[in-house]
Amino acid sequence: MGDGLTSGPLERLFTGSAWAEGPVWVPSSQTVRWSDIPNNRIMEFDAATGVTKDYAVGVGFTNGRTLDADGSVVQCSHGGRRVERDHAGTVTELVDSFQGRRLNSPNDVVVARDSSVWFTDPPYGILPGTDQGYEGEQEYGGCYVFRFEPASDSLTAVITDLVYPNGLAFSPDESVLYVTDTAGPDRGVPLRIVAYDVRGGVCSPSGLTLELGEGHPADGLRVDVQGRIWTSAGNSIRVYSPSFQLLDTIEVPEKVSNLCFGGPDGQDLYITASTSLYRIRSTTRDAAARGTIAL
């Protein structure tokens, strides 16, 4: 393809989800874990055997997830309106409120090198008629990007100027945070990715914004070791330079929700798209890769 960022065919590994989301590669088990949100279950694909199974059911409508430094999975719970940690199957709460009010429905999450947990909090899991959580009220009056410090149990709103912040990822040196805003024209904003400069845990707009056309919402995204941004965009993955120049497009037969890098060497790209999990070989790795990946 375009810049030689992928090779080989796009493989469908599993189908049968109602809405597949939130994939993460788990090095300790050599598996991909992702959410089937409306069916309220977490799925797991074993890369060695090719077998997909339920990892857990009745899971509080989990969505996005990432790895902590110790290999635990940090995940967002729409139903619990919280961010939580899954350590070897034991799930514990990290944070569920801001200034005494419940969070909306945490959506996607990253863990920085200083162990701080950054997450987005749009209302998708509490909207009327939702099949991705339980209907509820927005208690703190907005949809923010938060930074949580586990050591001090403190939560800070670091970005408050987006409408529905969704996916997020750091640049390789963690000096830039990219955040998708999926509110769209119905709420008076374009579908977009916004870049923020990060200094000392504080975010400020960098002035760089990528606007996508209607029908191409940027939901989940990852940044590779070269700083390129890999994002969902309708029925495709698009790859952009740090200055938002389009470098490549990977077509997918279904609407893409999210993606992650994984595999034994970290170069397999896993894609959640509507009902399915896909895989294609890439020539790069995730800038935030953790755990035991052979380099």
Protein backbone atom coordinates (compact mmCIF):
# COMPACT_ATOMS: atom_id res chain seq x y z
CA MET A 1 0.00 0.00 0.00
CA GLY A 2 0.86 3.71 -0.09
CA ASP A 3 4.02 4.00 2.00
CA GLY A 4 4.62 0.28 2.46
CA LEU A 5 3.21 0.42 5.99
CA THR A 6 1.35 -2.89 5.62
CA SER A 7 1.88 -6.14 3.75
CA GLY A 8 -0.11 -9.24 3.02
CA PRO A 9 -3.87 -9.70 3.06
CA LEU A 10 -6.43 -8.39 5.53
CA GLU A 11 -7.67 -11.42 7.51
CA ARG A 12 -11.00 -11.74 9.26
CA LEU A 13 -10.24 -13.63 12.46
CA PHE A 14 -13.68 -13.62 14.07
CA THR A 15 -17.19 -12.39 13.37
CA GLY A 16 -20.30 -12.46 15.55
CA SER A 17 -20.02 -9.36 17.73
CA ALA A 18 -22.82 -6.79 17.90
CA TRP A 19 -20.31 -3.91 18.10
CA ALA A 20 -16.64 -4.79 18.49
CA GLU A 21 -14.49 -2.19 20.29
CA GLY A 22 -11.52 -1.53 22.55
CA PRO A 23 -8.83 -4.03 21.43
CA VAL A 24 -5.55 -4.49 23.28
CA TRP A 25 -2.72 -6.96 22.81
CA VAL A 26 -1.93 -8.84 26.04
CA PRO A 27 1.68 -10.05 25.83
CA SER A 28 1.48 -12.38 28.85
CA SER A 29 -1.14 -14.55 27.13
CA GLN A 30 -0.32 -13.68 23.50
CA THR A 31 -3.95 -12.75 22.96
CA VAL A 32 -6.06 -9.86 21.72
CA ARG A 33 -8.77 -8.80 24.16
CA TRP A 34 -11.68 -6.65 23.00
CA SER A 35 -15.25 -5.66 23.89
CA ASP A 36 -18.52 -6.75 22.34
CA ILE A 37 -20.28 -3.86 24.03
CA PRO A 38 -24.04 -4.44 23.40
CA ASN A 39 -23.64 -8.13 24.30
CA ASN A 40 -21.90 -7.05 27.53
CA ARG A 41 -18.96 -9.38 27.12
CA ILE A 42 -15.19 -9.30 26.65
CA MET A 43 -13.77 -11.48 23.89
CA GLU A 44 -10.28 -12.93 23.54
CA PHE A 45 -8.47 -14.16 20.42
CA ASP A 46 -5.54 -16.55 20.89
CA ALA A 47 -2.96 -15.76 18.21
CA ALA A 48 -1.27 -19.16 18.54
CA THR A 49 -4.38 -21.33 18.20
CA GLY A 50 -6.68 -18.99 16.26
CA VAL A 51 -9.43 -19.65 18.80
CA THR A 52 -11.77 -16.88 19.99
CA LYS A 53 -13.66 -17.28 23.25
CA ASP A 54 -15.49 -15.26 25.89
CA TYR A 55 -12.97 -13.87 28.35
CA ALA A 56 -15.73 -12.60 30.64
CA VAL A 57 -19.47 -11.85 30.50
CA GLY A 58 -21.65 -9.44 32.45
CA VAL A 59 -18.74 -6.98 32.42
CA GLY A 60 -20.43 -3.59 32.83
CA PHE A 61 -20.37 -2.75 29.12
CA THR A 62 -16.60 -2.22 28.95
CA ASN A 63 -15.14 -0.26 26.05
CA GLY A 64 -11.54 0.91 25.52
CA ARG A 65 -8.54 -0.63 27.25
CA THR A 66 -4.77 -0.41 27.48
CA LEU A 67 -1.89 -2.03 29.35
CA ASP A 68 -0.47 -0.81 32.63
CA ALA A 69 3.26 -1.02 33.32
CA ASP A 70 2.85 -4.34 35.16
CA GLY A 71 0.90 -5.90 32.29
CA SER A 72 -2.52 -5.43 33.92
CA VAL A 73 -5.32 -4.29 31.64
CA VAL A 74 -6.80 -0.87 32.42
CA GLN A 75 -10.28 -0.60 30.92
CA CYS A 76 -13.27 1.74 30.68
CA SER A 77 -16.65 0.65 32.00
CA HIS A 78 -19.73 2.33 30.55
CA GLY A 79 -22.05 0.51 32.96
CA GLY A 80 -19.96 1.22 36.03
CA ARG A 81 -19.21 4.78 34.85
CA ARG A 82 -15.64 4.20 35.88
CA VAL A 83 -12.09 3.27 34.91
CA GLU A 84 -10.95 -0.06 36.32
CA ARG A 85 -8.00 -2.44 36.37
CA ASP A 86 -8.13 -6.14 35.47
CA HIS A 87 -5.19 -7.93 37.09
CA ALA A 88 -5.22 -11.65 36.28
CA GLY A 89 -9.01 -11.67 36.22
CA THR A 90 -9.54 -9.62 39.39
CA VAL A 91 -11.23 -6.31 38.52
CA THR A 92 -10.85 -3.30 40.82
CA GLU A 93 -12.01 0.30 40.50
CA LEU A 94 -9.53 3.09 39.81
CA VAL A 95 -11.83 6.13 39.59
CA ASP A 96 -15.56 6.75 39.14
CA SER A 97 -16.23 10.40 40.06
CA PHE A 98 -15.06 13.96 39.52
CA GLN A 99 -15.56 16.55 42.26
CA GLY A 100 -18.14 14.33 43.94
CA ARG A 101 -20.16 13.65 40.77
CA ARG A 102 -20.24 10.46 38.73
CA LEU A 103 -18.34 10.25 35.47
CA ASN A 104 -20.35 9.92 32.24
CA SER A 105 -19.18 6.69 30.57
CA PRO A 106 -15.38 6.47 30.21
CA ASN A 107 -14.60 5.44 26.64
CA ASP A 108 -10.89 5.09 25.90
CA VAL A 109 -7.74 5.13 28.02
CA VAL A 110 -3.95 5.35 27.87
CA VAL A 111 -1.32 4.99 30.61
CA ALA A 112 1.64 7.38 30.48
CA ARG A 113 5.18 6.46 31.45
CA ASP A 114 4.76 8.19 34.81
CA SER A 115 1.87 5.75 35.52
CA SER A 116 -0.81 8.45 35.21
CA VAL A 117 -4.03 7.22 33.57
CA TRP A 118 -5.55 9.45 30.87
CA PHE A 119 -9.08 8.79 29.64
CA THR A 120 -11.97 10.29 27.69
CA ASP A 121 -15.49 10.60 29.10
CA PRO A 122 -18.23 11.10 26.46
CA PRO A 123 -21.87 10.18 27.25
CA TYR A 124 -22.40 7.25 24.86
CA GLY A 125 -23.06 4.75 27.65
CA ILE A 126 -25.74 6.88 29.36
CA LEU A 127 -27.67 8.32 26.39
CA PRO A 128 -31.41 7.60 26.04
CA GLY A 129 -32.00 4.27 24.33
CA THR A 130 -28.36 3.19 24.63
CA ASP A 131 -27.42 -0.46 24.20
CA GLN A 132 -23.92 0.26 25.50
CA GLY A 133 -24.65 0.93 29.16
CA TYR A 134 -27.49 2.31 31.27
CA GLU A 135 -29.42 5.52 30.67
CA GLY A 136 -28.36 8.26 33.05
CA GLU A 137 -27.58 11.93 33.60
CA GLN A 138 -24.41 13.88 32.91
CA GLU A 139 -23.65 14.87 36.47
CA TYR A 140 -20.61 17.16 36.17
CA GLY A 141 -21.99 19.01 33.16
CA GLY A 142 -19.46 18.26 30.44
CA CYS A 143 -17.43 15.65 28.56
CA TYR A 144 -13.78 15.95 29.50
CA VAL A 145 -10.42 14.28 29.07
CA PHE A 146 -9.05 13.38 32.49
CA ARG A 147 -5.69 12.57 34.04
CA PHE A 148 -5.78 10.27 37.08
CA GLU A 149 -2.80 9.80 39.38
CA PRO A 150 -3.15 6.45 41.19
CA ALA A 151 -0.49 7.26 43.79
CA SER A 152 -2.34 10.32 45.07
CA ASP A 153 -5.85 9.24 44.01
CA SER A 154 -6.30 12.61 42.28
CA LEU A 155 -8.29 13.31 39.12
CA THR A 156 -7.73 16.38 36.96
CA ALA A 157 -9.71 17.59 33.94
CA VAL A 158 -6.97 18.30 31.39
CA ILE A 159 -9.10 18.99 28.27
CA THR A 160 -12.54 20.60 28.51
CA ASP A 161 -13.03 22.18 25.05
CA LEU A 162 -14.12 19.09 23.09
CA VAL A 163 -17.75 18.06 22.65
CA TYR A 164 -17.52 14.23 22.69
CA PRO A 165 -13.86 13.27 23.25
CA ASN A 166 -13.39 9.64 22.29
CA GLY A 167 -10.10 7.98 21.22
CA LEU A 168 -6.72 9.21 22.45
CA ALA A 169 -3.03 8.42 22.05
CA PHE A 170 0.32 10.00 22.91
CA SER A 171 3.14 10.85 20.54
CA PRO A 172 6.25 8.68 21.13
CA ASP A 173 7.81 11.18 23.55
CA GLU A 174 4.43 11.96 25.19
CA SER A 175 4.78 15.66 24.36
CA VAL A 176 1.59 15.58 22.23
CA LEU A 177 -1.78 14.02 23.00
CA TYR A 178 -4.07 13.30 20.06
CA VAL A 179 -7.81 13.16 20.86
CA THR A 180 -10.73 12.39 18.58
CA ASP A 181 -13.99 14.32 18.85
CA THR A 182 -16.87 12.24 17.48
CA ALA A 183 -19.79 14.58 18.24
CA GLY A 184 -20.07 15.57 14.58
CA PRO A 185 -22.15 18.09 12.65
CA ASP A 186 -25.34 17.26 14.55
CA ARG A 187 -23.72 18.93 17.54
CA GLY A 188 -22.14 21.74 15.58
CA VAL A 189 -18.58 20.46 15.20
CA PRO A 190 -16.78 18.51 12.49
CA LEU A 191 -15.57 14.96 13.03
CA ARG A 192 -11.97 15.66 13.97
CA ILE A 193 -8.68 14.77 15.61
CA VAL A 194 -7.18 17.52 17.76
CA ALA A 195 -3.54 17.68 18.90
CA TYR A 196 -2.62 19.06 22.33
CA ASP A 197 0.82 19.95 23.64
CA VAL A 198 1.54 18.29 26.99
CA ARG A 199 3.83 19.83 29.60
CA GLY A 200 3.92 18.72 33.21
CA GLY A 201 0.57 16.98 32.96
CA VAL A 202 -1.07 20.10 31.50
CA CYS A 203 -2.57 20.20 27.99
CA SER A 204 -2.81 23.18 25.66
CA PRO A 205 -4.05 23.25 22.04
CA SER A 206 -1.19 22.88 19.57
CA GLY A 207 -3.17 24.52 16.77
CA LEU A 208 -3.23 21.30 14.73
CA THR A 209 -6.67 19.86 13.92
CA LEU A 210 -7.60 17.26 11.32
CA GLU A 211 -11.19 17.46 10.09
CA LEU A 212 -12.64 14.32 8.51
CA GLY A 213 -15.57 14.22 6.16
CA GLU A 214 -19.02 13.06 7.20
CA GLY A 215 -19.22 9.29 7.45
CA HIS A 216 -15.57 9.05 8.48
CA PRO A 217 -15.56 9.48 12.26
CA ALA A 218 -12.17 9.04 13.88
CA ASP A 219 -12.96 6.87 16.88
CA GLY A 220 -10.02 4.81 18.14
CA LEU A 221 -6.42 5.60 17.25
CA ARG A 222 -2.82 4.54 17.88
CA VAL A 223 0.55 6.19 17.29
CA ASP A 224 3.49 4.15 16.00
CA VAL A 225 7.17 4.42 16.94
CA GLN A 226 7.76 6.83 14.04
CA GLY A 227 5.03 9.14 15.34
CA ARG A 228 2.48 8.32 12.64
CA ILE A 229 -1.20 8.36 13.63
CA TRP A 230 -3.29 5.29 12.78
CA THR A 231 -7.01 6.01 13.12
CA SER A 232 -10.37 4.52 12.31
CA ALA A 233 -12.17 6.41 9.54
CA GLY A 234 -15.45 4.93 8.36
CA ASN A 235 -14.78 1.64 6.58
CA SER A 236 -11.03 2.10 6.75
CA ILE A 237 -7.91 2.78 8.74
CA ARG A 238 -6.11 5.97 7.75
CA VAL A 239 -2.49 6.70 8.56
CA TYR A 240 -1.34 10.31 9.01
CA SER A 241 1.94 12.04 9.67
CA PRO A 242 2.25 14.08 12.91
CA SER A 243 1.31 17.14 10.83
CA PHE A 244 -1.84 15.30 9.61
CA GLN A 245 -0.66 14.54 6.07
CA LEU A 246 -2.47 11.43 4.78
CA LEU A 247 0.07 8.65 4.19
CA ASP A 248 -1.98 5.50 3.67
CA THR A 249 -5.48 4.00 3.73
CA ILE A 250 -6.39 0.43 4.63
CA GLU A 251 -9.86 -0.52 3.41
CA VAL A 252 -11.97 -2.74 5.67
CA PRO A 253 -15.33 -4.36 4.74
CA GLU A 254 -17.08 -2.98 7.84
CA LYS A 255 -17.19 0.25 9.84
CA VAL A 256 -14.03 0.43 11.92
CA SER A 257 -14.21 1.28 15.62
CA ASN A 258 -10.66 0.81 16.90
CA LEU A 259 -7.28 -0.84 16.46
CA CYS A 260 -4.14 -1.98 18.24
CA PHE A 261 -0.70 -3.33 17.42
CA GLY A 262 0.31 -6.75 18.71
CA GLY A 263 1.74 -10.13 17.84
CA PRO A 264 5.06 -11.62 18.99
CA ASP A 265 7.05 -8.76 17.45
CA GLY A 266 4.38 -6.08 17.86
CA GLN A 267 3.88 -5.59 14.12
CA ASP A 268 0.49 -7.22 13.62
CA LEU A 269 -2.30 -4.64 13.34
CA TYR A 270 -5.58 -5.82 14.89
CA ILE A 271 -8.77 -4.00 13.88
CA THR A 272 -12.21 -4.10 15.50
CA ALA A 273 -14.89 -3.30 12.93
CA SER A 274 -18.63 -3.61 13.57
CA THR A 275 -19.13 -7.38 13.98
CA SER A 276 -15.58 -8.60 13.43
CA LEU A 277 -11.92 -8.73 14.41
CA TYR A 278 -9.39 -8.33 11.58
CA ARG A 279 -5.61 -8.54 11.27
CA ILE A 280 -3.08 -7.24 8.77
CA ARG A 281 0.70 -7.24 8.90
CA SER A 282 2.41 -3.86 9.41
CA THR A 283 6.00 -2.66 9.23
CA THR A 284 5.94 -0.80 12.55
CA ARG A 285 4.95 -1.03 16.23
CA ASP A 286 2.96 0.94 18.79
CA ALA A 287 4.89 3.81 20.38
CA ALA A 288 3.36 2.85 23.74
CA ALA A 289 4.05 -0.90 23.52
CA ARG A 290 4.46 -2.54 26.94
CA GLY A 291 5.20 -6.00 28.14
CA THR A 292 7.22 -8.74 26.51
CA ILE A 293 7.54 -7.98 22.82
CA ALA A 294 10.58 -9.31 21.02
CA LEU A 295 12.43 -6.42 19.36
